[in-house]
Amino acid sequence: APAMASADLANKSKCMTCHDVAKKKMGPTFKDVSAKYKGQKDAEAMLANSMLKGAKGKWGKIPMPPQKIAPADAQKLAKWVLTL
């Protein structure tokens, strides 16, 4: 149930416009993100920060603009992504 709630939150937050759990879109898949940052102790905070402030250069030329989501939602989404 928690993972499903986070998938719902990802849809609601419009993450799925550019990302998907397993299918490459404009941005990397959530599974690829999880694999890249697996085992890094600061990964959750870094991912949440990327959502809130935007990021560029981590996955190629297309930057991710800052997202208009609550910091608590960014943290929930980061935690969920890292479980995939």
PDB file of N, CA and C in Angstrom:
ATOM      1  N   ALA A   1       0.814  -1.218   0.000  1.00  0.00           N
ATOM      2  CA  ALA A   1       0.000   0.000   0.000  1.00  0.00           C
ATOM      3  C   ALA A   1       0.845   1.265   0.000  1.00  0.00           C
ATOM      4  N   PRO A   2       1.930   1.375   0.800  1.00  0.00           N
ATOM      5  CA  PRO A   2       2.719   2.599   0.764  1.00  0.00           C
ATOM      6  C   PRO A   2       3.290   2.898  -0.625  1.00  0.00           C
ATOM      7  N   ALA A   3       3.757   1.869  -1.334  1.00  0.00           N
ATOM      8  CA  ALA A   3       4.305   2.108  -2.668  1.00  0.00           C
ATOM      9  C   ALA A   3       3.220   2.600  -3.607  1.00  0.00           C
ATOM     10  N   MET A   4       2.021   2.023  -3.510  1.00  0.00           N
ATOM     11  CA  MET A   4       0.927   2.463  -4.359  1.00  0.00           C
ATOM     12  C   MET A   4       0.558   3.897  -4.045  1.00  0.00           C
ATOM     13  N   ALA A   5       0.532   4.252  -2.783  1.00  0.00           N
ATOM     14  CA  ALA A   5       0.230   5.627  -2.396  1.00  0.00           C
ATOM     15  C   ALA A   5       1.267   6.570  -3.001  1.00  0.00           C
ATOM     16  N   SER A   6       2.519   6.158  -3.051  1.00  0.00           N
ATOM     17  CA  SER A   6       3.547   7.004  -3.630  1.00  0.00           C
ATOM     18  C   SER A   6       3.443   7.076  -5.146  1.00  0.00           C
ATOM     19  N   ALA A   7       3.028   5.990  -5.789  1.00  0.00           N
ATOM     20  CA  ALA A   7       2.782   6.037  -7.232  1.00  0.00           C
ATOM     21  C   ALA A   7       1.642   7.016  -7.507  1.00  0.00           C
ATOM     22  N   ASP A   8       0.637   6.989  -6.665  1.00  0.00           N
ATOM     23  CA  ASP A   8      -0.463   7.948  -6.800  1.00  0.00           C
ATOM     24  C   ASP A   8       0.045   9.369  -6.595  1.00  0.00           C
ATOM     25  N   LEU A   9       0.910   9.553  -5.615  1.00  0.00           N
ATOM     26  CA  LEU A   9       1.481  10.868  -5.357  1.00  0.00           C
ATOM     27  C   LEU A   9       2.340  11.317  -6.542  1.00  0.00           C
ATOM     28  N   ALA A  10       3.077  10.403  -7.141  1.00  0.00           N
ATOM     29  CA  ALA A  10       3.883  10.733  -8.314  1.00  0.00           C
ATOM     30  C   ALA A  10       2.995  11.181  -9.472  1.00  0.00           C
ATOM     31  N   ASN A  11       1.874  10.505  -9.653  1.00  0.00           N
ATOM     32  CA  ASN A  11       0.923  10.923 -10.690  1.00  0.00           C
ATOM     33  C   ASN A  11       0.348  12.294 -10.373  1.00  0.00           C
ATOM     34  N   LYS A  12      -0.101  12.467  -9.152  1.00  0.00           N
ATOM     35  CA  LYS A  12      -0.695  13.736  -8.719  1.00  0.00           C
ATOM     36  C   LYS A  12       0.299  14.890  -8.847  1.00  0.00           C
ATOM     37  N   SER A  13       1.549  14.621  -8.578  1.00  0.00           N
ATOM     38  CA  SER A  13       2.593  15.649  -8.624  1.00  0.00           C
ATOM     39  C   SER A  13       3.140  15.877 -10.030  1.00  0.00           C
ATOM     40  N   LYS A  14       2.595  15.163 -10.993  1.00  0.00           N
ATOM     41  CA  LYS A  14       2.979  15.276 -12.401  1.00  0.00           C
ATOM     42  C   LYS A  14       4.378  14.734 -12.718  1.00  0.00           C
ATOM     43  N   CYS A  15       4.924  13.912 -11.831  1.00  0.00           N
ATOM     44  CA  CYS A  15       6.224  13.284 -12.083  1.00  0.00           C
ATOM     45  C   CYS A  15       6.158  12.372 -13.309  1.00  0.00           C
ATOM     46  N   MET A  16       5.002  11.735 -13.480  1.00  0.00           N
ATOM     47  CA  MET A  16       4.848  10.746 -14.541  1.00  0.00           C
ATOM     48  C   MET A  16       4.782  11.384 -15.934  1.00  0.00           C
ATOM     49  N   THR A  17       4.769  12.710 -15.990  1.00  0.00           N
ATOM     50  CA  THR A  17       4.831  13.387 -17.286  1.00  0.00           C
ATOM     51  C   THR A  17       6.172  13.100 -17.956  1.00  0.00           C
ATOM     52  N   CYS A  18       7.239  13.110 -17.173  1.00  0.00           N
ATOM     53  CA  CYS A  18       8.589  12.914 -17.707  1.00  0.00           C
ATOM     54  C   CYS A  18       9.250  11.618 -17.262  1.00  0.00           C
ATOM     55  N   HIS A  19       8.703  10.968 -16.230  1.00  0.00           N
ATOM     56  CA  HIS A  19       9.294   9.747 -15.676  1.00  0.00           C
ATOM     57  C   HIS A  19       8.251   8.630 -15.635  1.00  0.00           C
ATOM     58  N   ASP A  20       8.757   7.412 -15.528  1.00  0.00           N
ATOM     59  CA  ASP A  20       7.915   6.230 -15.349  1.00  0.00           C
ATOM     60  C   ASP A  20       8.697   5.282 -14.452  1.00  0.00           C
ATOM     61  N   VAL A  21       8.017   4.330 -13.877  1.00  0.00           N
ATOM     62  CA  VAL A  21       8.707   3.372 -13.010  1.00  0.00           C
ATOM     63  C   VAL A  21       9.743   2.584 -13.806  1.00  0.00           C
ATOM     64  N   ALA A  22       9.369   2.063 -14.984  1.00  0.00           N
ATOM     65  CA  ALA A  22      10.277   1.179 -15.707  1.00  0.00           C
ATOM     66  C   ALA A  22      10.469   1.522 -17.183  1.00  0.00           C
ATOM     67  N   LYS A  23       9.716   2.473 -17.718  1.00  0.00           N
ATOM     68  CA  LYS A  23       9.799   2.812 -19.137  1.00  0.00           C
ATOM     69  C   LYS A  23      10.455   4.182 -19.304  1.00  0.00           C
ATOM     70  N   LYS A  24      11.524   4.246 -20.103  1.00  0.00           N
ATOM     71  CA  LYS A  24      12.241   5.496 -20.341  1.00  0.00           C
ATOM     72  C   LYS A  24      11.327   6.498 -21.029  1.00  0.00           C
ATOM     73  N   LYS A  25      11.281   7.684 -20.482  1.00  0.00           N
ATOM     74  CA  LYS A  25      10.572   8.814 -21.090  1.00  0.00           C
ATOM     75  C   LYS A  25      11.590   9.935 -21.257  1.00  0.00           C
ATOM     76  N   MET A  26      11.171  11.170 -21.070  1.00  0.00           N
ATOM     77  CA  MET A  26      12.091  12.298 -21.165  1.00  0.00           C
ATOM     78  C   MET A  26      13.170  12.196 -20.086  1.00  0.00           C
ATOM     79  N   GLY A  27      12.770  11.787 -18.890  1.00  0.00           N
ATOM     80  CA  GLY A  27      13.710  11.609 -17.793  1.00  0.00           C
ATOM     81  C   GLY A  27      13.979  10.136 -17.557  1.00  0.00           C
ATOM     82  N   PRO A  28      14.906   9.833 -16.667  1.00  0.00           N
ATOM     83  CA  PRO A  28      15.227   8.429 -16.388  1.00  0.00           C
ATOM     84  C   PRO A  28      14.060   7.725 -15.687  1.00  0.00           C
ATOM     85  N   THR A  29      14.074   6.397 -15.761  1.00  0.00           N
ATOM     86  CA  THR A  29      13.056   5.634 -15.039  1.00  0.00           C
ATOM     87  C   THR A  29      13.335   5.737 -13.545  1.00  0.00           C
ATOM     88  N   PHE A  30      12.297   5.577 -12.751  1.00  0.00           N
ATOM     89  CA  PHE A  30      12.491   5.598 -11.307  1.00  0.00           C
ATOM     90  C   PHE A  30      13.363   4.428 -10.862  1.00  0.00           C
ATOM     91  N   LYS A  31      13.267   3.299 -11.551  1.00  0.00           N
ATOM     92  CA  LYS A  31      14.122   2.154 -11.209  1.00  0.00           C
ATOM     93  C   LYS A  31      15.590   2.467 -11.483  1.00  0.00           C
ATOM     94  N   ASP A  32      15.873   3.186 -12.583  1.00  0.00           N
ATOM     95  CA  ASP A  32      17.256   3.581 -12.882  1.00  0.00           C
ATOM     96  C   ASP A  32      17.785   4.552 -11.831  1.00  0.00           C
ATOM     97  N   VAL A  33      16.937   5.478 -11.402  1.00  0.00           N
ATOM     98  CA  VAL A  33      17.337   6.424 -10.359  1.00  0.00           C
ATOM     99  C   VAL A  33      17.662   5.662  -9.079  1.00  0.00           C
ATOM    100  N   SER A  34      16.786   4.727  -8.731  1.00  0.00           N
ATOM    101  CA  SER A  34      17.002   3.928  -7.530  1.00  0.00           C
ATOM    102  C   SER A  34      18.327   3.169  -7.601  1.00  0.00           C
ATOM    103  N   ALA A  35      18.589   2.549  -8.750  1.00  0.00           N
ATOM    104  CA  ALA A  35      19.819   1.775  -8.918  1.00  0.00           C
ATOM    105  C   ALA A  35      21.061   2.663  -8.829  1.00  0.00           C
ATOM    106  N   LYS A  36      20.987   3.847  -9.419  1.00  0.00           N
ATOM    107  CA  LYS A  36      22.144   4.755  -9.425  1.00  0.00           C
ATOM    108  C   LYS A  36      22.521   5.208  -8.020  1.00  0.00           C
ATOM    109  N   TYR A  37      21.525   5.455  -7.184  1.00  0.00           N
ATOM    110  CA  TYR A  37      21.787   6.022  -5.866  1.00  0.00           C
ATOM    111  C   TYR A  37      21.668   5.016  -4.722  1.00  0.00           C
ATOM    112  N   LYS A  38      21.455   3.736  -5.051  1.00  0.00           N
ATOM    113  CA  LYS A  38      21.328   2.703  -4.029  1.00  0.00           C
ATOM    114  C   LYS A  38      22.569   2.673  -3.140  1.00  0.00           C
ATOM    115  N   GLY A  39      22.333   2.666  -1.839  1.00  0.00           N
ATOM    116  CA  GLY A  39      23.428   2.561  -0.888  1.00  0.00           C
ATOM    117  C   GLY A  39      24.064   3.879  -0.487  1.00  0.00           C
ATOM    118  N   GLN A  40      23.688   4.976  -1.142  1.00  0.00           N
ATOM    119  CA  GLN A  40      24.226   6.280  -0.755  1.00  0.00           C
ATOM    120  C   GLN A  40      23.383   6.827   0.393  1.00  0.00           C
ATOM    121  N   LYS A  41      24.029   7.131   1.512  1.00  0.00           N
ATOM    122  CA  LYS A  41      23.272   7.516   2.695  1.00  0.00           C
ATOM    123  C   LYS A  41      22.541   8.844   2.544  1.00  0.00           C
ATOM    124  N   ASP A  42      23.000   9.721   1.672  1.00  0.00           N
ATOM    125  CA  ASP A  42      22.342  11.008   1.478  1.00  0.00           C
ATOM    126  C   ASP A  42      21.419  11.024   0.259  1.00  0.00           C
ATOM    127  N   ALA A  43      21.159   9.868  -0.323  1.00  0.00           N
ATOM    128  CA  ALA A  43      20.384   9.798  -1.568  1.00  0.00           C
ATOM    129  C   ALA A  43      18.979  10.377  -1.421  1.00  0.00           C
ATOM    130  N   GLU A  44      18.299  10.051  -0.344  1.00  0.00           N
ATOM    131  CA  GLU A  44      16.927  10.533  -0.170  1.00  0.00           C
ATOM    132  C   GLU A  44      16.878  12.066  -0.132  1.00  0.00           C
ATOM    133  N   ALA A  45      17.747  12.672   0.644  1.00  0.00           N
ATOM    134  CA  ALA A  45      17.783  14.136   0.738  1.00  0.00           C
ATOM    135  C   ALA A  45      18.192  14.759  -0.592  1.00  0.00           C
ATOM    136  N   MET A  46      19.153  14.152  -1.276  1.00  0.00           N
ATOM    137  CA  MET A  46      19.618  14.673  -2.557  1.00  0.00           C
ATOM    138  C   MET A  46      18.509  14.634  -3.594  1.00  0.00           C
ATOM    139  N   LEU A  47      17.760  13.515  -3.649  1.00  0.00           N
ATOM    140  CA  LEU A  47      16.661  13.398  -4.613  1.00  0.00           C
ATOM    141  C   LEU A  47      15.550  14.398  -4.310  1.00  0.00           C
ATOM    142  N   ALA A  48      15.191  14.524  -3.057  1.00  0.00           N
ATOM    143  CA  ALA A  48      14.155  15.484  -2.676  1.00  0.00           C
ATOM    144  C   ALA A  48      14.599  16.901  -3.044  1.00  0.00           C
ATOM    145  N   ASN A  49      15.860  17.210  -2.803  1.00  0.00           N
ATOM    146  CA  ASN A  49      16.398  18.523  -3.142  1.00  0.00           C
ATOM    147  C   ASN A  49      16.363  18.763  -4.657  1.00  0.00           C
ATOM    148  N   SER A  50      16.677  17.734  -5.442  1.00  0.00           N
ATOM    149  CA  SER A  50      16.616  17.857  -6.898  1.00  0.00           C
ATOM    150  C   SER A  50      15.195  18.142  -7.370  1.00  0.00           C
ATOM    151  N   MET A  51      14.225  17.525  -6.719  1.00  0.00           N
ATOM    152  CA  MET A  51      12.830  17.776  -7.086  1.00  0.00           C
ATOM    153  C   MET A  51      12.446  19.225  -6.785  1.00  0.00           C
ATOM    154  N   LEU A  52      12.867  19.695  -5.625  1.00  0.00           N
ATOM    155  CA  LEU A  52      12.464  21.030  -5.180  1.00  0.00           C
ATOM    156  C   LEU A  52      13.229  22.159  -5.871  1.00  0.00           C
ATOM    157  N   LYS A  53      14.506  21.934  -6.160  1.00  0.00           N
ATOM    158  CA  LYS A  53      15.338  23.001  -6.722  1.00  0.00           C
ATOM    159  C   LYS A  53      15.703  22.793  -8.185  1.00  0.00           C
ATOM    160  N   GLY A  54      15.375  21.611  -8.712  1.00  0.00           N
ATOM    161  CA  GLY A  54      15.750  21.297 -10.086  1.00  0.00           C
ATOM    162  C   GLY A  54      17.136  20.668 -10.117  1.00  0.00           C
ATOM    163  N   ALA A  55      17.470  20.103 -11.259  1.00  0.00           N
ATOM    164  CA  ALA A  55      18.767  19.450 -11.420  1.00  0.00           C
ATOM    165  C   ALA A  55      19.146  19.455 -12.889  1.00  0.00           C
ATOM    166  N   LYS A  56      20.448  19.474 -13.140  1.00  0.00           N
ATOM    167  CA  LYS A  56      20.909  19.355 -14.520  1.00  0.00           C
ATOM    168  C   LYS A  56      22.240  18.639 -14.550  1.00  0.00           C
ATOM    169  N   GLY A  57      22.462  17.919 -15.636  1.00  0.00           N
ATOM    170  CA  GLY A  57      23.728  17.233 -15.824  1.00  0.00           C
ATOM    171  C   GLY A  57      23.850  15.872 -15.178  1.00  0.00           C
ATOM    172  N   LYS A  58      22.844  15.438 -14.423  1.00  0.00           N
ATOM    173  CA  LYS A  58      22.925  14.137 -13.758  1.00  0.00           C
ATOM    174  C   LYS A  58      22.541  12.989 -14.688  1.00  0.00           C
ATOM    175  N   TRP A  59      21.671  13.278 -15.671  1.00  0.00           N
ATOM    176  CA  TRP A  59      21.149  12.235 -16.550  1.00  0.00           C
ATOM    177  C   TRP A  59      21.206  12.649 -18.018  1.00  0.00           C
ATOM    178  N   GLY A  60      22.111  13.524 -18.360  1.00  0.00           N
ATOM    179  CA  GLY A  60      22.211  13.963 -19.744  1.00  0.00           C
ATOM    180  C   GLY A  60      21.925  15.449 -19.876  1.00  0.00           C
ATOM    181  N   LYS A  61      21.578  15.856 -21.076  1.00  0.00           N
ATOM    182  CA  LYS A  61      21.452  17.274 -21.384  1.00  0.00           C
ATOM    183  C   LYS A  61      20.136  17.902 -20.935  1.00  0.00           C
ATOM    184  N   ILE A  62      19.088  17.112 -20.777  1.00  0.00           N
ATOM    185  CA  ILE A  62      17.785  17.669 -20.434  1.00  0.00           C
ATOM    186  C   ILE A  62      17.718  17.924 -18.930  1.00  0.00           C
ATOM    187  N   PRO A  63      17.578  19.193 -18.523  1.00  0.00           N
ATOM    188  CA  PRO A  63      17.495  19.493 -17.095  1.00  0.00           C
ATOM    189  C   PRO A  63      16.109  19.195 -16.537  1.00  0.00           C
ATOM    190  N   MET A  64      16.053  18.972 -15.236  1.00  0.00           N
ATOM    191  CA  MET A  64      14.768  18.834 -14.567  1.00  0.00           C
ATOM    192  C   MET A  64      14.492  20.160 -13.868  1.00  0.00           C
ATOM    193  N   PRO A  65      13.419  20.842 -14.245  1.00  0.00           N
ATOM    194  CA  PRO A  65      13.112  22.106 -13.581  1.00  0.00           C
ATOM    195  C   PRO A  65      12.618  21.867 -12.160  1.00  0.00           C
ATOM    196  N   PRO A  66      12.693  22.897 -11.323  1.00  0.00           N
ATOM    197  CA  PRO A  66      12.148  22.760  -9.964  1.00  0.00           C
ATOM    198  C   PRO A  66      10.662  22.407 -10.035  1.00  0.00           C
ATOM    199  N   GLN A  67      10.241  21.531  -9.150  1.00  0.00           N
ATOM    200  CA  GLN A  67       8.847  21.097  -9.135  1.00  0.00           C
ATOM    201  C   GLN A  67       8.090  21.842  -8.045  1.00  0.00           C
ATOM    202  N   LYS A  68       6.846  22.136  -8.315  1.00  0.00           N
ATOM    203  CA  LYS A  68       6.003  22.854  -7.349  1.00  0.00           C
ATOM    204  C   LYS A  68       5.265  21.849  -6.479  1.00  0.00           C
ATOM    205  N   ILE A  69       6.020  21.256  -5.558  1.00  0.00           N
ATOM    206  CA  ILE A  69       5.450  20.284  -4.626  1.00  0.00           C
ATOM    207  C   ILE A  69       5.922  20.633  -3.210  1.00  0.00           C
ATOM    208  N   ALA A  70       5.182  20.154  -2.255  1.00  0.00           N
ATOM    209  CA  ALA A  70       5.546  20.392  -0.855  1.00  0.00           C
ATOM    210  C   ALA A  70       6.824  19.619  -0.519  1.00  0.00           C
ATOM    211  N   PRO A  71       7.686  20.185   0.308  1.00  0.00           N
ATOM    212  CA  PRO A  71       8.903  19.471   0.714  1.00  0.00           C
ATOM    213  C   PRO A  71       8.612  18.084   1.303  1.00  0.00           C
ATOM    214  N   ALA A  72       7.534  17.952   2.061  1.00  0.00           N
ATOM    215  CA  ALA A  72       7.185  16.641   2.633  1.00  0.00           C
ATOM    216  C   ALA A  72       6.842  15.645   1.527  1.00  0.00           C
ATOM    217  N   ASP A  73       6.174  16.108   0.470  1.00  0.00           N
ATOM    218  CA  ASP A  73       5.862  15.226  -0.654  1.00  0.00           C
ATOM    219  C   ASP A  73       7.121  14.837  -1.416  1.00  0.00           C
ATOM    220  N   ALA A  74       8.051  15.768  -1.567  1.00  0.00           N
ATOM    221  CA  ALA A  74       9.320  15.447  -2.231  1.00  0.00           C
ATOM    222  C   ALA A  74      10.060  14.372  -1.447  1.00  0.00           C
ATOM    223  N   GLN A  75      10.046  14.466  -0.133  1.00  0.00           N
ATOM    224  CA  GLN A  75      10.711  13.461   0.700  1.00  0.00           C
ATOM    225  C   GLN A  75      10.028  12.102   0.558  1.00  0.00           C
ATOM    226  N   LYS A  76       8.688  12.081   0.546  1.00  0.00           N
ATOM    227  CA  LYS A  76       7.953  10.821   0.375  1.00  0.00           C
ATOM    228  C   LYS A  76       8.266  10.201  -0.977  1.00  0.00           C
ATOM    229  N   LEU A  77       8.298  11.028  -2.014  1.00  0.00           N
ATOM    230  CA  LEU A  77       8.589  10.520  -3.361  1.00  0.00           C
ATOM    231  C   LEU A  77      10.012   9.984  -3.448  1.00  0.00           C
ATOM    232  N   ALA A  78      10.965  10.692  -2.872  1.00  0.00           N
ATOM    233  CA  ALA A  78      12.358  10.232  -2.896  1.00  0.00           C
ATOM    234  C   ALA A  78      12.488   8.891  -2.189  1.00  0.00           C
ATOM    235  N   LYS A  79      11.845   8.767  -1.033  1.00  0.00           N
ATOM    236  CA  LYS A  79      11.896   7.513  -0.271  1.00  0.00           C
ATOM    237  C   LYS A  79      11.304   6.373  -1.100  1.00  0.00           C
ATOM    238  N   TRP A  80      10.172   6.640  -1.754  1.00  0.00           N
ATOM    239  CA  TRP A  80       9.523   5.624  -2.591  1.00  0.00           C
ATOM    240  C   TRP A  80      10.401   5.215  -3.761  1.00  0.00           C
ATOM    241  N   VAL A  81      10.956   6.199  -4.472  1.00  0.00           N
ATOM    242  CA  VAL A  81      11.811   5.897  -5.626  1.00  0.00           C
ATOM    243  C   VAL A  81      12.959   4.980  -5.206  1.00  0.00           C
ATOM    244  N   LEU A  82      13.543   5.237  -4.073  1.00  0.00           N
ATOM    245  CA  LEU A  82      14.683   4.436  -3.615  1.00  0.00           C
ATOM    246  C   LEU A  82      14.315   3.019  -3.206  1.00  0.00           C
ATOM    247  N   THR A  83      13.012   2.729  -3.087  1.00  0.00           N
ATOM    248  CA  THR A  83      12.590   1.355  -2.772  1.00  0.00           C
ATOM    249  C   THR A  83      12.416   0.505  -4.013  1.00  0.00           C
ATOM    250  N   LEU A  84      12.464   1.120  -5.183  1.00  0.00           N
ATOM    251  CA  LEU A  84      12.193   0.377  -6.421  1.00  0.00           C
ATOM    252  C   LEU A  84      13.376  -0.429  -6.879  1.00  0.00           C
TER     253      LEU A  84
END
